């Protein structure tokens, strides 16, 4: 792979391009304020409690990260339709 004019060689390459959080349409969310995963991982002060919307890998990791620092965490996952 060539990056910035330099050739990099390795057995495996992971291209992690990042992602954008999806903000659900919930009445009052805009007024209450929210973080996406980007803001949550760059915070400088810990809140007393948070509600994490989404029980996928990012939501679980974020909840665990905050809980380990003493934040009270409530995880909310939407029901999935049957397969």
C-alpha atoms as a PDB file:
ATOM      1  CA  UNK A   1       0.000   0.000   0.000  1.00  0.00           C
ATOM      2  CA  UNK A   2       1.292   3.464  -0.789  1.00  0.00           C
ATOM      3  CA  UNK A   3       0.503   6.224   1.696  1.00  0.00           C
ATOM      4  CA  UNK A   4       1.793   9.749   1.245  1.00  0.00           C
ATOM      5  CA  UNK A   5       4.411   8.596  -1.243  1.00  0.00           C
ATOM      6  CA  UNK A   6       5.719   5.907   1.124  1.00  0.00           C
ATOM      7  CA  UNK A   7       5.245   2.192   0.397  1.00  0.00           C
ATOM      8  CA  UNK A   8       4.051   0.190   3.388  1.00  0.00           C
ATOM      9  CA  UNK A   9       4.247  -3.591   3.375  1.00  0.00           C
ATOM     10  CA  UNK A  10       2.572  -5.957   5.801  1.00  0.00           C
ATOM     11  CA  UNK A  11       0.795  -9.294   5.899  1.00  0.00           C
ATOM     12  CA  UNK A  12      -2.601  -7.713   6.630  1.00  0.00           C
ATOM     13  CA  UNK A  13      -4.069  -4.215   6.383  1.00  0.00           C
ATOM     14  CA  UNK A  14      -7.167  -2.928   8.183  1.00  0.00           C
ATOM     15  CA  UNK A  15      -8.830   0.097   6.646  1.00  0.00           C
ATOM     16  CA  UNK A  16     -10.849   1.741   9.424  1.00  0.00           C
ATOM     17  CA  UNK A  17     -12.636   4.659   7.831  1.00  0.00           C
ATOM     18  CA  UNK A  18     -14.794   5.460  10.838  1.00  0.00           C
ATOM     19  CA  UNK A  19     -18.537   5.812  11.078  1.00  0.00           C
ATOM     20  CA  UNK A  20     -21.218   8.347  11.800  1.00  0.00           C
ATOM     21  CA  UNK A  21     -23.725   7.824  14.570  1.00  0.00           C
ATOM     22  CA  UNK A  22     -27.399   7.636  13.633  1.00  0.00           C
ATOM     23  CA  UNK A  23     -29.504   9.998  15.710  1.00  0.00           C
ATOM     24  CA  UNK A  24     -32.967   8.494  16.216  1.00  0.00           C
ATOM     25  CA  UNK A  25     -36.125  10.536  15.836  1.00  0.00           C
ATOM     26  CA  UNK A  26     -37.184  10.816  19.486  1.00  0.00           C
ATOM     27  CA  UNK A  27     -39.386  13.664  20.699  1.00  0.00           C
ATOM     28  CA  UNK A  28     -37.383  15.985  22.959  1.00  0.00           C
ATOM     29  CA  UNK A  29     -33.952  14.539  22.126  1.00  0.00           C
ATOM     30  CA  UNK A  30     -32.716  17.696  20.398  1.00  0.00           C
ATOM     31  CA  UNK A  31     -33.826  19.859  23.327  1.00  0.00           C
ATOM     32  CA  UNK A  32     -32.353  17.515  25.928  1.00  0.00           C
ATOM     33  CA  UNK A  33     -29.047  17.266  24.103  1.00  0.00           C
ATOM     34  CA  UNK A  34     -27.128  14.165  23.140  1.00  0.00           C
ATOM     35  CA  UNK A  35     -23.700  12.846  22.266  1.00  0.00           C
ATOM     36  CA  UNK A  36     -22.745  10.597  19.419  1.00  0.00           C
ATOM     37  CA  UNK A  37     -19.923   8.125  19.951  1.00  0.00           C
ATOM     38  CA  UNK A  38     -17.475  10.844  18.827  1.00  0.00           C
ATOM     39  CA  UNK A  39     -18.409  13.315  21.587  1.00  0.00           C
ATOM     40  CA  UNK A  40     -18.728  10.572  24.188  1.00  0.00           C
ATOM     41  CA  UNK A  41     -15.174   9.365  23.636  1.00  0.00           C
ATOM     42  CA  UNK A  42     -13.675  12.846  23.845  1.00  0.00           C
ATOM     43  CA  UNK A  43     -15.474  14.061  26.966  1.00  0.00           C
ATOM     44  CA  UNK A  44     -13.493  15.923  29.595  1.00  0.00           C
ATOM     45  CA  UNK A  45     -15.952  15.649  32.492  1.00  0.00           C
ATOM     46  CA  UNK A  46     -17.934  12.615  33.617  1.00  0.00           C
ATOM     47  CA  UNK A  47     -21.697  12.913  34.061  1.00  0.00           C
ATOM     48  CA  UNK A  48     -23.413  11.260  37.028  1.00  0.00           C
ATOM     49  CA  UNK A  49     -25.561   9.159  34.692  1.00  0.00           C
ATOM     50  CA  UNK A  50     -26.180   8.465  30.998  1.00  0.00           C
ATOM     51  CA  UNK A  51     -28.662   6.622  28.821  1.00  0.00           C
ATOM     52  CA  UNK A  52     -26.978   4.781  25.952  1.00  0.00           C
ATOM     53  CA  UNK A  53     -29.284   4.204  22.978  1.00  0.00           C
ATOM     54  CA  UNK A  54     -28.233   1.008  21.226  1.00  0.00           C
ATOM     55  CA  UNK A  55     -26.969  -2.314  22.486  1.00  0.00           C
ATOM     56  CA  UNK A  56     -24.622  -3.034  19.608  1.00  0.00           C
ATOM     57  CA  UNK A  57     -20.833  -3.194  19.935  1.00  0.00           C
ATOM     58  CA  UNK A  58     -20.365   0.587  20.141  1.00  0.00           C
ATOM     59  CA  UNK A  59     -23.154   1.058  22.701  1.00  0.00           C
ATOM     60  CA  UNK A  60     -21.929  -1.798  24.898  1.00  0.00           C
ATOM     61  CA  UNK A  61     -18.317  -0.603  24.793  1.00  0.00           C
ATOM     62  CA  UNK A  62     -19.355   2.962  25.577  1.00  0.00           C
ATOM     63  CA  UNK A  63     -21.549   1.840  28.476  1.00  0.00           C
ATOM     64  CA  UNK A  64     -18.763  -0.313  29.902  1.00  0.00           C
ATOM     65  CA  UNK A  65     -16.199   2.471  29.480  1.00  0.00           C
ATOM     66  CA  UNK A  66     -18.370   4.969  31.353  1.00  0.00           C
ATOM     67  CA  UNK A  67     -19.439   2.483  34.059  1.00  0.00           C
ATOM     68  CA  UNK A  68     -15.816   1.667  34.848  1.00  0.00           C
ATOM     69  CA  UNK A  69     -15.365   5.355  35.634  1.00  0.00           C
ATOM     70  CA  UNK A  70     -18.326   5.300  38.033  1.00  0.00           C
ATOM     71  CA  UNK A  71     -21.053   6.683  35.779  1.00  0.00           C
ATOM     72  CA  UNK A  72     -24.532   5.165  36.241  1.00  0.00           C
ATOM     73  CA  UNK A  73     -25.392   3.679  32.835  1.00  0.00           C
ATOM     74  CA  UNK A  74     -28.789   2.689  31.429  1.00  0.00           C
ATOM     75  CA  UNK A  75     -28.631   0.792  28.140  1.00  0.00           C
ATOM     76  CA  UNK A  76     -31.678   0.930  25.838  1.00  0.00           C
ATOM     77  CA  UNK A  77     -31.997  -1.416  22.858  1.00  0.00           C
ATOM     78  CA  UNK A  78     -34.900  -1.421  20.423  1.00  0.00           C
ATOM     79  CA  UNK A  79     -36.629  -4.744  19.853  1.00  0.00           C
ATOM     80  CA  UNK A  80     -35.661  -6.542  16.691  1.00  0.00           C
ATOM     81  CA  UNK A  81     -38.259  -7.976  14.358  1.00  0.00           C
ATOM     82  CA  UNK A  82     -38.317 -11.781  14.129  1.00  0.00           C
ATOM     83  CA  UNK A  83     -36.239 -13.289  11.339  1.00  0.00           C
END
